[in-house]
N, C-alpha and C. Protein backbone atom coordinates (compact mmCIF):
# COMPACT_ATOMS: atom_id res chain seq x y z
N MET A 1 15.52 4.06 4.91
CA MET A 1 14.75 5.29 4.73
C MET A 1 14.55 5.55 3.24
N PHE A 2 13.52 6.31 2.92
CA PHE A 2 13.15 6.61 1.55
C PHE A 2 14.32 7.23 0.79
N PRO A 3 14.64 6.68 -0.39
CA PRO A 3 15.76 7.20 -1.19
C PRO A 3 15.38 8.48 -1.92
N GLY A 4 15.22 9.56 -1.17
CA GLY A 4 14.73 10.81 -1.75
C GLY A 4 15.69 11.46 -2.71
N GLY A 5 16.97 11.07 -2.69
CA GLY A 5 17.92 11.70 -3.59
C GLY A 5 17.91 11.15 -4.99
N GLN A 6 17.14 10.10 -5.23
CA GLN A 6 17.12 9.51 -6.57
C GLN A 6 16.34 10.39 -7.54
N ASP A 7 16.79 10.42 -8.78
CA ASP A 7 16.12 11.15 -9.85
C ASP A 7 16.06 10.24 -11.07
N PRO A 8 14.85 9.83 -11.50
CA PRO A 8 13.55 10.28 -11.01
C PRO A 8 13.18 9.67 -9.65
N ARG A 9 12.23 10.34 -8.97
CA ARG A 9 11.77 9.88 -7.66
C ARG A 9 11.14 8.49 -7.78
N PRO A 10 11.49 7.55 -6.90
CA PRO A 10 10.87 6.22 -6.94
C PRO A 10 9.38 6.30 -6.65
N LEU A 11 8.63 5.32 -7.17
CA LEU A 11 7.23 5.16 -6.82
C LEU A 11 7.16 4.43 -5.49
N VAL A 12 6.52 5.02 -4.52
CA VAL A 12 6.32 4.34 -3.23
C VAL A 12 5.02 3.55 -3.36
N LEU A 13 5.14 2.23 -3.48
CA LEU A 13 3.98 1.38 -3.74
C LEU A 13 3.24 1.08 -2.44
N LEU A 14 1.91 1.25 -2.49
CA LEU A 14 1.05 0.90 -1.36
C LEU A 14 0.28 -0.39 -1.64
N SER A 15 0.11 -0.73 -2.93
CA SER A 15 -0.51 -2.00 -3.31
C SER A 15 0.55 -3.10 -3.33
N PRO A 16 0.15 -4.36 -3.06
CA PRO A 16 1.10 -5.46 -3.21
C PRO A 16 1.46 -5.67 -4.67
N ASP A 17 2.63 -6.28 -4.93
CA ASP A 17 3.07 -6.53 -6.30
C ASP A 17 2.18 -7.54 -7.01
N VAL A 18 1.57 -8.47 -6.25
CA VAL A 18 0.71 -9.51 -6.81
C VAL A 18 -0.68 -9.33 -6.23
N ARG A 19 -1.69 -9.21 -7.12
CA ARG A 19 -3.05 -8.96 -6.67
C ARG A 19 -4.02 -9.98 -7.25
N PRO A 20 -4.40 -10.99 -6.46
CA PRO A 20 -5.44 -11.93 -6.90
C PRO A 20 -6.82 -11.29 -6.80
N THR A 21 -7.75 -11.79 -7.60
CA THR A 21 -9.10 -11.23 -7.59
C THR A 21 -10.07 -12.04 -6.74
N GLY A 22 -9.75 -13.28 -6.44
CA GLY A 22 -10.64 -14.12 -5.67
C GLY A 22 -10.38 -15.59 -5.95
N PHE A 23 -10.87 -16.45 -5.06
CA PHE A 23 -10.61 -17.88 -5.20
C PHE A 23 -11.92 -18.66 -5.05
N PRO A 24 -12.05 -19.78 -5.78
CA PRO A 24 -13.29 -20.56 -5.72
C PRO A 24 -13.46 -21.34 -4.43
N ASP A 25 -12.35 -21.64 -3.73
CA ASP A 25 -12.45 -22.40 -2.49
C ASP A 25 -11.18 -22.19 -1.66
N GLY A 26 -11.23 -22.67 -0.43
CA GLY A 26 -10.12 -22.48 0.49
C GLY A 26 -8.85 -23.19 0.07
N GLY A 27 -8.99 -24.38 -0.54
CA GLY A 27 -7.80 -25.12 -0.97
C GLY A 27 -7.02 -24.39 -2.04
N THR A 28 -7.75 -23.81 -2.99
CA THR A 28 -7.09 -23.04 -4.06
C THR A 28 -6.40 -21.81 -3.49
N LYS A 29 -7.06 -21.13 -2.57
CA LYS A 29 -6.46 -19.95 -1.94
C LYS A 29 -5.20 -20.33 -1.18
N LEU A 30 -5.25 -21.43 -0.43
CA LEU A 30 -4.09 -21.87 0.34
C LEU A 30 -2.92 -22.20 -0.57
N ALA A 31 -3.20 -22.89 -1.69
CA ALA A 31 -2.13 -23.22 -2.63
C ALA A 31 -1.48 -21.96 -3.18
N PHE A 32 -2.29 -20.97 -3.51
CA PHE A 32 -1.76 -19.72 -4.05
C PHE A 32 -0.92 -18.99 -3.00
N LEU A 33 -1.43 -18.89 -1.78
CA LEU A 33 -0.71 -18.18 -0.73
C LEU A 33 0.61 -18.85 -0.37
N ARG A 34 0.70 -20.17 -0.60
CA ARG A 34 1.93 -20.89 -0.33
C ARG A 34 2.87 -20.92 -1.53
N GLY A 35 2.47 -20.25 -2.62
CA GLY A 35 3.33 -20.17 -3.80
C GLY A 35 3.39 -21.43 -4.61
N ALA A 36 2.38 -22.30 -4.48
CA ALA A 36 2.35 -23.56 -5.23
C ALA A 36 1.77 -23.29 -6.62
N VAL A 37 2.58 -22.67 -7.47
CA VAL A 37 2.16 -22.28 -8.82
C VAL A 37 3.18 -22.79 -9.82
N ASP A 38 2.71 -23.49 -10.86
CA ASP A 38 3.56 -23.95 -11.95
C ASP A 38 3.15 -23.24 -13.23
N ALA A 39 4.05 -23.25 -14.21
CA ALA A 39 3.78 -22.55 -15.47
C ALA A 39 4.52 -23.25 -16.60
N PRO A 40 4.09 -23.03 -17.86
CA PRO A 40 4.82 -23.60 -19.00
C PRO A 40 6.27 -23.12 -19.02
N ASP A 41 7.11 -23.85 -19.76
CA ASP A 41 8.55 -23.56 -19.78
C ASP A 41 8.86 -22.16 -20.31
N ASP A 42 8.01 -21.64 -21.20
CA ASP A 42 8.30 -20.33 -21.80
C ASP A 42 7.72 -19.16 -20.99
N PHE A 43 7.17 -19.46 -19.82
CA PHE A 43 6.59 -18.40 -18.99
C PHE A 43 7.73 -17.57 -18.38
N PRO A 44 7.59 -16.24 -18.33
CA PRO A 44 8.66 -15.39 -17.79
C PRO A 44 9.04 -15.79 -16.36
N SER A 45 10.32 -16.08 -16.15
CA SER A 45 10.76 -16.59 -14.85
C SER A 45 10.59 -15.57 -13.72
N ASP A 46 10.76 -14.27 -14.02
CA ASP A 46 10.64 -13.28 -12.96
C ASP A 46 9.18 -13.09 -12.53
N VAL A 47 8.24 -13.29 -13.47
CA VAL A 47 6.82 -13.22 -13.11
C VAL A 47 6.44 -14.43 -12.27
N LEU A 48 6.94 -15.61 -12.65
CA LEU A 48 6.67 -16.82 -11.87
C LEU A 48 7.27 -16.70 -10.46
N GLU A 49 8.45 -16.11 -10.37
CA GLU A 49 9.08 -15.90 -9.06
C GLU A 49 8.20 -15.03 -8.16
N ALA A 50 7.58 -14.00 -8.75
CA ALA A 50 6.69 -13.13 -7.98
C ALA A 50 5.46 -13.90 -7.52
N LEU A 51 4.91 -14.77 -8.37
CA LEU A 51 3.74 -15.56 -8.00
C LEU A 51 4.05 -16.55 -6.89
N ARG A 52 5.30 -16.99 -6.83
CA ARG A 52 5.68 -18.02 -5.86
C ARG A 52 6.17 -17.46 -4.52
N ALA A 53 6.29 -16.18 -4.43
CA ALA A 53 6.86 -15.59 -3.20
C ALA A 53 5.77 -15.17 -2.22
N PRO A 54 5.93 -15.48 -0.92
CA PRO A 54 6.95 -16.39 -0.38
C PRO A 54 6.50 -17.84 -0.52
N ARG A 55 7.37 -18.73 -0.96
CA ARG A 55 6.99 -20.13 -1.18
C ARG A 55 7.20 -20.93 0.11
N SER A 56 6.24 -21.80 0.41
CA SER A 56 6.34 -22.65 1.60
C SER A 56 5.82 -24.04 1.27
N GLN A 57 5.95 -24.96 2.20
CA GLN A 57 5.56 -26.34 2.00
C GLN A 57 4.07 -26.46 1.72
N HIS A 58 3.73 -27.17 0.63
CA HIS A 58 2.33 -27.39 0.28
C HIS A 58 2.14 -28.84 -0.13
N ASP A 59 1.24 -29.54 0.54
CA ASP A 59 1.06 -30.97 0.30
C ASP A 59 0.07 -31.27 -0.82
N GLY A 60 -0.76 -30.32 -1.20
CA GLY A 60 -1.75 -30.55 -2.25
C GLY A 60 -1.21 -30.27 -3.64
N PRO A 61 -2.07 -30.35 -4.66
CA PRO A 61 -1.64 -30.09 -6.03
C PRO A 61 -1.31 -28.62 -6.25
N SER A 62 -0.40 -28.37 -7.18
CA SER A 62 -0.04 -27.00 -7.53
C SER A 62 -1.04 -26.43 -8.53
N LEU A 63 -1.12 -25.13 -8.58
CA LEU A 63 -1.95 -24.44 -9.56
C LEU A 63 -1.15 -24.27 -10.84
N MET A 64 -1.86 -24.24 -11.98
CA MET A 64 -1.18 -24.14 -13.27
C MET A 64 -1.59 -22.88 -14.02
N VAL A 65 -0.59 -22.12 -14.43
CA VAL A 65 -0.83 -20.94 -15.26
C VAL A 65 -1.25 -21.40 -16.65
N THR A 66 -2.34 -20.81 -17.16
CA THR A 66 -2.81 -21.18 -18.50
C THR A 66 -2.43 -20.14 -19.55
N SER A 67 -2.36 -18.88 -19.17
CA SER A 67 -1.96 -17.84 -20.13
C SER A 67 -1.56 -16.58 -19.37
N ALA A 68 -0.83 -15.71 -20.06
CA ALA A 68 -0.42 -14.45 -19.45
C ALA A 68 -0.04 -13.47 -20.54
N GLY A 69 -0.23 -12.19 -20.26
CA GLY A 69 0.15 -11.16 -21.22
C GLY A 69 0.40 -9.85 -20.50
N LEU A 70 1.30 -9.05 -21.05
CA LEU A 70 1.62 -7.76 -20.44
C LEU A 70 0.52 -6.76 -20.75
N ASP A 71 0.00 -6.12 -19.72
CA ASP A 71 -1.11 -5.17 -19.84
C ASP A 71 -0.82 -4.03 -18.86
N GLU A 72 -1.82 -3.42 -18.32
CA GLU A 72 -1.64 -2.45 -17.25
C GLU A 72 -2.89 -2.42 -16.39
N THR A 73 -2.71 -2.07 -15.14
CA THR A 73 -3.82 -1.94 -14.20
C THR A 73 -3.45 -0.91 -13.14
N GLU A 74 -4.40 -0.59 -12.29
CA GLU A 74 -4.21 0.47 -11.31
C GLU A 74 -3.58 -0.06 -10.03
N PHE A 75 -2.56 0.66 -9.55
CA PHE A 75 -1.93 0.37 -8.28
C PHE A 75 -1.97 1.63 -7.42
N ALA A 76 -2.06 1.43 -6.11
CA ALA A 76 -2.01 2.56 -5.19
C ALA A 76 -0.56 2.93 -4.92
N THR A 77 -0.25 4.23 -5.00
CA THR A 77 1.08 4.73 -4.66
C THR A 77 0.91 5.87 -3.66
N ASP A 78 2.03 6.35 -3.12
CA ASP A 78 1.92 7.44 -2.15
C ASP A 78 1.61 8.78 -2.81
N ARG A 79 1.52 8.80 -4.13
CA ARG A 79 1.10 10.00 -4.84
C ARG A 79 -0.14 9.71 -5.69
N GLY A 80 -1.06 8.93 -5.12
CA GLY A 80 -2.32 8.64 -5.79
C GLY A 80 -2.31 7.30 -6.50
N ARG A 81 -3.41 7.00 -7.18
CA ARG A 81 -3.54 5.74 -7.90
C ARG A 81 -3.01 5.93 -9.31
N ARG A 82 -2.17 4.98 -9.75
CA ARG A 82 -1.53 5.07 -11.05
C ARG A 82 -1.76 3.78 -11.84
N ARG A 83 -1.96 3.93 -13.14
CA ARG A 83 -2.01 2.75 -14.01
C ARG A 83 -0.57 2.41 -14.38
N LEU A 84 -0.17 1.18 -14.03
CA LEU A 84 1.21 0.74 -14.23
C LEU A 84 1.25 -0.55 -15.04
N PRO A 85 2.36 -0.80 -15.73
CA PRO A 85 2.49 -2.06 -16.47
C PRO A 85 2.39 -3.25 -15.52
N ALA A 86 1.61 -4.24 -15.93
CA ALA A 86 1.42 -5.42 -15.08
C ALA A 86 1.07 -6.62 -15.97
N TRP A 87 1.44 -7.80 -15.51
CA TRP A 87 1.09 -9.03 -16.20
C TRP A 87 -0.29 -9.50 -15.75
N ARG A 88 -1.13 -9.79 -16.74
CA ARG A 88 -2.47 -10.34 -16.48
C ARG A 88 -2.36 -11.85 -16.62
N VAL A 89 -2.38 -12.55 -15.49
CA VAL A 89 -2.11 -13.98 -15.46
C VAL A 89 -3.41 -14.74 -15.20
N LEU A 90 -3.66 -15.75 -16.00
CA LEU A 90 -4.82 -16.63 -15.79
C LEU A 90 -4.33 -17.97 -15.29
N ILE A 91 -5.01 -18.50 -14.28
CA ILE A 91 -4.65 -19.77 -13.65
C ILE A 91 -5.86 -20.69 -13.69
N ALA A 92 -5.63 -21.93 -14.05
CA ALA A 92 -6.71 -22.92 -14.14
C ALA A 92 -7.44 -23.02 -12.80
N GLY A 93 -8.79 -22.94 -12.86
CA GLY A 93 -9.61 -23.07 -11.67
C GLY A 93 -9.91 -21.75 -10.98
N ILE A 94 -9.26 -20.66 -11.42
CA ILE A 94 -9.52 -19.34 -10.86
C ILE A 94 -10.15 -18.48 -11.95
N ARG A 95 -11.35 -17.98 -11.69
CA ARG A 95 -12.10 -17.28 -12.74
C ARG A 95 -11.48 -15.94 -13.11
N GLY A 96 -11.06 -15.15 -12.14
CA GLY A 96 -10.53 -13.84 -12.43
C GLY A 96 -9.03 -13.86 -12.70
N ALA A 97 -8.52 -12.74 -13.18
CA ALA A 97 -7.10 -12.63 -13.48
C ALA A 97 -6.30 -12.34 -12.21
N ILE A 98 -5.05 -12.78 -12.20
CA ILE A 98 -4.08 -12.42 -11.18
C ILE A 98 -3.19 -11.34 -11.79
N TRP A 99 -3.09 -10.19 -11.13
CA TRP A 99 -2.27 -9.10 -11.65
C TRP A 99 -0.92 -9.10 -10.95
N VAL A 100 0.14 -9.06 -11.75
CA VAL A 100 1.51 -9.04 -11.22
C VAL A 100 2.21 -7.81 -11.77
N LEU A 101 2.66 -6.93 -10.88
CA LEU A 101 3.40 -5.76 -11.31
C LEU A 101 4.58 -6.18 -12.18
N ASP A 102 4.74 -5.51 -13.32
CA ASP A 102 5.82 -5.86 -14.23
C ASP A 102 7.16 -5.80 -13.49
N PRO A 103 7.89 -6.93 -13.40
CA PRO A 103 9.17 -6.92 -12.69
C PRO A 103 10.16 -5.89 -13.22
N ALA A 104 10.01 -5.50 -14.48
CA ALA A 104 10.92 -4.49 -15.04
C ALA A 104 10.76 -3.14 -14.36
N LEU A 105 9.64 -2.95 -13.65
CA LEU A 105 9.37 -1.68 -12.97
C LEU A 105 9.99 -1.62 -11.58
N ARG A 106 10.44 -2.74 -11.05
CA ARG A 106 10.91 -2.79 -9.67
C ARG A 106 12.05 -1.81 -9.36
N PRO A 107 13.02 -1.59 -10.27
CA PRO A 107 14.08 -0.62 -9.95
C PRO A 107 13.56 0.79 -9.74
N ARG A 108 12.33 1.08 -10.18
CA ARG A 108 11.76 2.42 -10.04
C ARG A 108 10.79 2.50 -8.87
N THR A 109 10.71 1.45 -8.05
CA THR A 109 9.76 1.43 -6.93
C THR A 109 10.49 1.28 -5.61
N TRP A 110 9.76 1.56 -4.51
CA TRP A 110 10.36 1.46 -3.17
C TRP A 110 9.29 1.10 -2.17
N ARG A 111 9.69 0.29 -1.19
CA ARG A 111 8.86 -0.03 -0.03
C ARG A 111 9.75 0.05 1.21
N PRO A 112 9.15 0.27 2.40
CA PRO A 112 9.97 0.21 3.62
C PRO A 112 10.66 -1.14 3.72
N ASP A 113 11.92 -1.16 4.10
CA ASP A 113 12.72 -2.38 4.09
C ASP A 113 12.40 -3.29 5.27
N GLY A 114 11.90 -4.49 4.94
CA GLY A 114 11.82 -5.59 5.88
C GLY A 114 11.16 -5.35 7.22
N ASP A 115 10.23 -4.39 7.29
CA ASP A 115 9.62 -4.14 8.59
C ASP A 115 8.14 -4.50 8.62
N GLY A 116 7.63 -5.04 7.49
CA GLY A 116 6.25 -5.51 7.47
C GLY A 116 5.21 -4.41 7.46
N ARG A 117 5.61 -3.17 7.25
CA ARG A 117 4.64 -2.09 7.26
C ARG A 117 3.74 -2.16 6.02
N ARG A 118 2.47 -1.89 6.23
CA ARG A 118 1.50 -1.89 5.14
C ARG A 118 0.74 -0.58 5.16
N TRP A 119 0.14 -0.28 4.01
CA TRP A 119 -0.71 0.90 3.94
C TRP A 119 -1.97 0.65 4.75
N HIS A 120 -2.26 1.54 5.68
CA HIS A 120 -3.43 1.39 6.55
C HIS A 120 -4.63 2.19 6.04
N GLY A 121 -4.54 2.72 4.84
CA GLY A 121 -5.66 3.44 4.26
C GLY A 121 -5.64 4.93 4.52
N ALA A 122 -4.63 5.44 5.21
CA ALA A 122 -4.54 6.88 5.47
C ALA A 122 -4.30 7.64 4.16
N THR A 123 -4.99 8.75 3.99
CA THR A 123 -4.81 9.59 2.82
C THR A 123 -4.58 11.03 3.28
N ALA A 124 -4.04 11.83 2.39
CA ALA A 124 -3.79 13.23 2.73
C ALA A 124 -3.93 14.09 1.49
N GLU A 125 -4.29 15.35 1.72
CA GLU A 125 -4.31 16.35 0.66
C GLU A 125 -3.33 17.46 1.01
N VAL A 126 -2.54 17.85 0.03
CA VAL A 126 -1.63 18.96 0.24
C VAL A 126 -2.18 20.17 -0.52
N ASP A 127 -2.24 21.30 0.13
CA ASP A 127 -2.80 22.51 -0.46
C ASP A 127 -1.87 23.06 -1.52
N THR A 128 -2.37 24.03 -2.27
CA THR A 128 -1.58 24.61 -3.36
C THR A 128 -0.32 25.30 -2.86
N ASP A 129 -0.27 25.66 -1.57
CA ASP A 129 0.93 26.29 -1.03
C ASP A 129 2.05 25.29 -0.77
N GLY A 130 1.71 23.98 -0.83
CA GLY A 130 2.71 22.93 -0.61
C GLY A 130 3.04 22.68 0.84
N HIS A 131 2.56 23.54 1.75
CA HIS A 131 2.88 23.45 3.17
C HIS A 131 1.73 22.90 4.02
N THR A 132 0.49 23.17 3.61
CA THR A 132 -0.68 22.78 4.41
C THR A 132 -1.12 21.38 4.02
N VAL A 133 -1.10 20.47 4.99
CA VAL A 133 -1.42 19.06 4.73
C VAL A 133 -2.57 18.64 5.65
N THR A 134 -3.60 18.05 5.06
CA THR A 134 -4.72 17.49 5.82
C THR A 134 -4.70 15.98 5.65
N MET A 135 -4.50 15.26 6.76
CA MET A 135 -4.45 13.80 6.71
C MET A 135 -5.74 13.21 7.27
N ARG A 136 -6.28 12.22 6.56
CA ARG A 136 -7.48 11.49 6.99
C ARG A 136 -7.06 10.08 7.37
N PHE A 137 -7.54 9.61 8.50
CA PHE A 137 -7.08 8.35 9.05
C PHE A 137 -8.19 7.74 9.90
N THR A 138 -8.05 6.48 10.25
CA THR A 138 -9.00 5.80 11.13
C THR A 138 -8.57 6.02 12.57
N GLY A 139 -9.50 6.57 13.37
CA GLY A 139 -9.13 6.89 14.74
C GLY A 139 -10.29 6.81 15.71
N THR A 140 -10.11 7.42 16.88
CA THR A 140 -11.12 7.42 17.94
C THR A 140 -12.40 8.12 17.47
N PRO A 141 -13.58 7.56 17.73
CA PRO A 141 -14.83 8.20 17.32
C PRO A 141 -14.98 9.59 17.94
N ARG A 142 -15.71 10.45 17.25
CA ARG A 142 -15.89 11.84 17.71
C ARG A 142 -16.55 11.92 19.09
N VAL A 143 -17.39 10.95 19.40
CA VAL A 143 -18.08 10.99 20.69
C VAL A 143 -17.11 10.76 21.84
N TYR A 144 -15.94 10.16 21.57
CA TYR A 144 -15.00 9.82 22.63
C TYR A 144 -13.72 10.67 22.62
N GLY A 145 -13.38 11.26 21.48
CA GLY A 145 -12.11 11.96 21.44
C GLY A 145 -12.02 12.98 20.34
N ASP A 146 -11.03 13.85 20.44
CA ASP A 146 -10.79 14.88 19.44
C ASP A 146 -9.32 14.84 19.04
N TYR A 147 -9.02 15.41 17.86
CA TYR A 147 -7.65 15.48 17.36
C TYR A 147 -7.35 16.94 17.02
N PRO A 148 -7.04 17.74 18.02
CA PRO A 148 -6.84 19.17 17.77
C PRO A 148 -5.52 19.49 17.09
N ASP A 149 -4.57 18.56 17.11
CA ASP A 149 -3.24 18.87 16.57
C ASP A 149 -2.55 17.56 16.22
N ALA A 150 -1.35 17.67 15.69
CA ALA A 150 -0.54 16.50 15.37
C ALA A 150 0.92 16.84 15.57
N GLU A 151 1.69 15.84 15.97
CA GLU A 151 3.14 16.01 16.07
C GLU A 151 3.74 15.72 14.70
N VAL A 152 4.60 16.60 14.24
CA VAL A 152 5.21 16.46 12.92
C VAL A 152 6.72 16.35 13.07
N LEU A 153 7.27 15.28 12.53
CA LEU A 153 8.72 15.07 12.52
C LEU A 153 9.20 15.13 11.08
N GLU A 154 9.97 16.13 10.76
CA GLU A 154 10.52 16.29 9.41
C GLU A 154 12.00 15.94 9.45
N ALA A 155 12.35 14.86 8.75
CA ALA A 155 13.73 14.41 8.77
C ALA A 155 14.15 14.00 7.35
N GLY A 156 14.97 14.82 6.73
CA GLY A 156 15.48 14.48 5.41
C GLY A 156 14.38 14.33 4.38
N SER A 157 14.26 13.12 3.83
CA SER A 157 13.33 12.87 2.73
C SER A 157 12.00 12.30 3.20
N ALA A 158 11.73 12.29 4.50
CA ALA A 158 10.47 11.75 5.02
C ALA A 158 9.88 12.67 6.08
N ILE A 159 8.56 12.61 6.22
CA ILE A 159 7.84 13.37 7.23
C ILE A 159 6.91 12.40 7.95
N ALA A 160 6.96 12.36 9.26
CA ALA A 160 6.03 11.56 10.05
C ALA A 160 5.00 12.48 10.68
N LEU A 161 3.73 12.18 10.45
CA LEU A 161 2.64 12.99 10.97
C LEU A 161 1.85 12.12 11.95
N MET A 162 1.90 12.48 13.25
CA MET A 162 1.31 11.66 14.30
C MET A 162 0.21 12.44 15.01
N PRO A 163 -1.07 12.15 14.72
CA PRO A 163 -2.17 12.88 15.36
C PRO A 163 -2.13 12.76 16.88
N VAL A 164 -2.43 13.86 17.54
CA VAL A 164 -2.48 13.90 19.00
C VAL A 164 -3.95 13.88 19.43
N SER A 165 -4.34 12.88 20.19
CA SER A 165 -5.74 12.72 20.59
C SER A 165 -5.98 13.27 21.99
N VAL A 166 -7.20 13.77 22.19
CA VAL A 166 -7.64 14.26 23.49
C VAL A 166 -8.95 13.56 23.84
N ASP A 167 -8.98 12.90 24.98
CA ASP A 167 -10.17 12.16 25.41
C ASP A 167 -11.24 13.14 25.89
N ILE A 168 -12.44 13.06 25.27
CA ILE A 168 -13.54 13.92 25.67
C ILE A 168 -14.81 13.12 25.96
N GLY A 169 -14.71 11.81 25.84
CA GLY A 169 -15.90 10.98 25.89
C GLY A 169 -16.39 10.66 27.28
N PRO A 170 -17.54 9.97 27.38
CA PRO A 170 -18.12 9.57 28.67
C PRO A 170 -17.26 8.49 29.33
N PRO A 171 -17.50 8.24 30.61
CA PRO A 171 -16.72 7.20 31.31
C PRO A 171 -16.91 5.84 30.65
N ARG A 172 -15.93 4.96 30.85
CA ARG A 172 -16.02 3.60 30.34
C ARG A 172 -17.06 2.82 31.15
N PRO A 173 -17.65 1.73 30.61
CA PRO A 173 -17.30 1.09 29.34
C PRO A 173 -17.84 1.84 28.13
N ARG A 174 -17.16 1.66 26.98
CA ARG A 174 -17.52 2.33 25.74
C ARG A 174 -17.67 1.31 24.63
N ARG A 175 -18.42 1.68 23.62
CA ARG A 175 -18.53 0.84 22.43
C ARG A 175 -17.19 0.84 21.69
N LEU A 176 -16.82 -0.31 21.16
CA LEU A 176 -15.55 -0.46 20.47
C LEU A 176 -15.76 -0.28 18.96
N PHE A 177 -15.47 0.90 18.46
CA PHE A 177 -15.54 1.16 17.02
C PHE A 177 -14.64 2.34 16.70
N ALA A 178 -14.45 2.61 15.40
CA ALA A 178 -13.58 3.70 14.96
C ALA A 178 -14.27 4.47 13.86
N GLU A 179 -13.76 5.67 13.60
CA GLU A 179 -14.31 6.53 12.55
C GLU A 179 -13.16 7.14 11.77
N GLN A 180 -13.50 7.64 10.58
CA GLN A 180 -12.50 8.41 9.83
C GLN A 180 -12.38 9.80 10.45
N ARG A 181 -11.16 10.17 10.78
CA ARG A 181 -10.89 11.47 11.36
C ARG A 181 -9.89 12.22 10.49
N GLU A 182 -9.66 13.47 10.78
CA GLU A 182 -8.67 14.22 10.02
C GLU A 182 -7.99 15.24 10.91
N VAL A 183 -6.80 15.62 10.50
CA VAL A 183 -6.04 16.65 11.19
C VAL A 183 -5.26 17.43 10.15
N THR A 184 -5.14 18.75 10.36
CA THR A 184 -4.43 19.61 9.42
C THR A 184 -3.21 20.21 10.09
N VAL A 185 -2.08 20.19 9.38
CA VAL A 185 -0.83 20.74 9.91
C VAL A 185 -0.18 21.64 8.87
N MET A 186 0.74 22.47 9.33
CA MET A 186 1.52 23.33 8.47
C MET A 186 2.98 22.87 8.54
N LEU A 187 3.54 22.46 7.40
CA LEU A 187 4.94 22.02 7.36
C LEU A 187 5.87 23.23 7.34
N THR A 188 7.08 23.02 7.82
CA THR A 188 8.05 24.12 7.82
C THR A 188 8.55 24.44 6.42
N ARG A 189 8.50 23.45 5.53
CA ARG A 189 8.81 23.70 4.12
C ARG A 189 7.93 22.82 3.25
N SER A 190 7.90 23.11 1.98
CA SER A 190 7.00 22.42 1.06
C SER A 190 7.21 20.90 1.11
N LEU A 191 6.09 20.16 1.01
CA LEU A 191 6.17 18.70 1.02
C LEU A 191 7.07 18.19 -0.10
N GLY A 192 6.92 18.76 -1.29
CA GLY A 192 7.76 18.37 -2.41
C GLY A 192 7.71 16.89 -2.70
N SER A 193 8.87 16.29 -2.87
CA SER A 193 8.94 14.87 -3.20
C SER A 193 9.09 13.98 -1.98
N ARG A 194 9.06 14.58 -0.78
CA ARG A 194 9.23 13.79 0.43
C ARG A 194 8.05 12.84 0.64
N VAL A 195 8.33 11.70 1.27
CA VAL A 195 7.28 10.73 1.56
C VAL A 195 6.66 11.06 2.90
N LEU A 196 5.31 10.99 2.97
CA LEU A 196 4.58 11.26 4.20
C LEU A 196 4.25 9.93 4.87
N LEU A 197 4.54 9.84 6.17
CA LEU A 197 4.28 8.64 6.95
C LEU A 197 3.26 8.93 8.04
N ASP A 198 2.46 7.90 8.39
CA ASP A 198 1.51 8.08 9.49
C ASP A 198 2.18 7.73 10.82
N GLY A 199 1.41 7.67 11.89
CA GLY A 199 1.96 7.43 13.20
C GLY A 199 2.59 6.06 13.39
N THR A 200 2.28 5.11 12.49
CA THR A 200 2.88 3.78 12.56
C THR A 200 4.11 3.65 11.69
N GLY A 201 4.45 4.72 10.97
CA GLY A 201 5.59 4.67 10.05
C GLY A 201 5.24 4.15 8.68
N SER A 202 3.94 4.03 8.37
CA SER A 202 3.50 3.53 7.07
C SER A 202 3.25 4.69 6.12
N PRO A 203 3.58 4.53 4.83
CA PRO A 203 3.35 5.60 3.86
C PRO A 203 1.87 5.97 3.74
N VAL A 204 1.63 7.24 3.46
CA VAL A 204 0.28 7.79 3.29
C VAL A 204 0.10 8.17 1.83
N MET A 205 -1.10 7.94 1.28
CA MET A 205 -1.39 8.36 -0.09
C MET A 205 -1.70 9.86 -0.10
N VAL A 206 -0.90 10.62 -0.83
CA VAL A 206 -1.03 12.08 -0.88
C VAL A 206 -1.50 12.51 -2.26
N THR A 207 -2.52 13.37 -2.29
CA THR A 207 -2.96 13.97 -3.53
C THR A 207 -2.94 15.50 -3.35
N SER A 208 -2.89 16.21 -4.48
CA SER A 208 -2.86 17.67 -4.45
C SER A 208 -4.26 18.24 -4.53
N ARG A 209 -4.53 19.22 -3.71
CA ARG A 209 -5.82 19.89 -3.73
C ARG A 209 -5.85 20.88 -4.89
N SER A 210 -6.87 20.75 -5.73
CA SER A 210 -6.95 21.61 -6.92
C SER A 210 -7.58 22.96 -6.55
């Protein structure tokens, strides 16, 4: 569970630690995804470890790092998008940079432990009162359903917000598509530093309404 007692509050990262920009072909992409990356002897070992994770068997040639430097770029967190220290890595044969979150920042970050949860794109706004939260998520189209309410579970340092759907649409068969929907709830106490989770248990990006 989210370590809410830590001070300062950890950054709940929604972006992956390693962000490639694109690949020229499938073979290069496969090599990268399998962690087949080599680097000069003086390349930072913790950055190379991040590029190689998770490493698996690869029968083709490895990719070679040509240069790298500490810079910063934008990462998604559960409290909005933040510019964070990151290594800008160039690899032979790949035109764009590979961004690697600075490993020195890891002690200040948190992700759900070992459950494979990812950010599904849900966002939320918290009102100036700190209690009113509007979450936007991908759900049933308006023609087929409504979301009049949501179930809210407040436990310690986390809040789970699970929209409750009501079927209002025509009889099946129906077109298979989704729309962005929203639901507003009132928390029993201010959101504060607690992490907001969606119905799948994945962190939600929360911003404050001005």
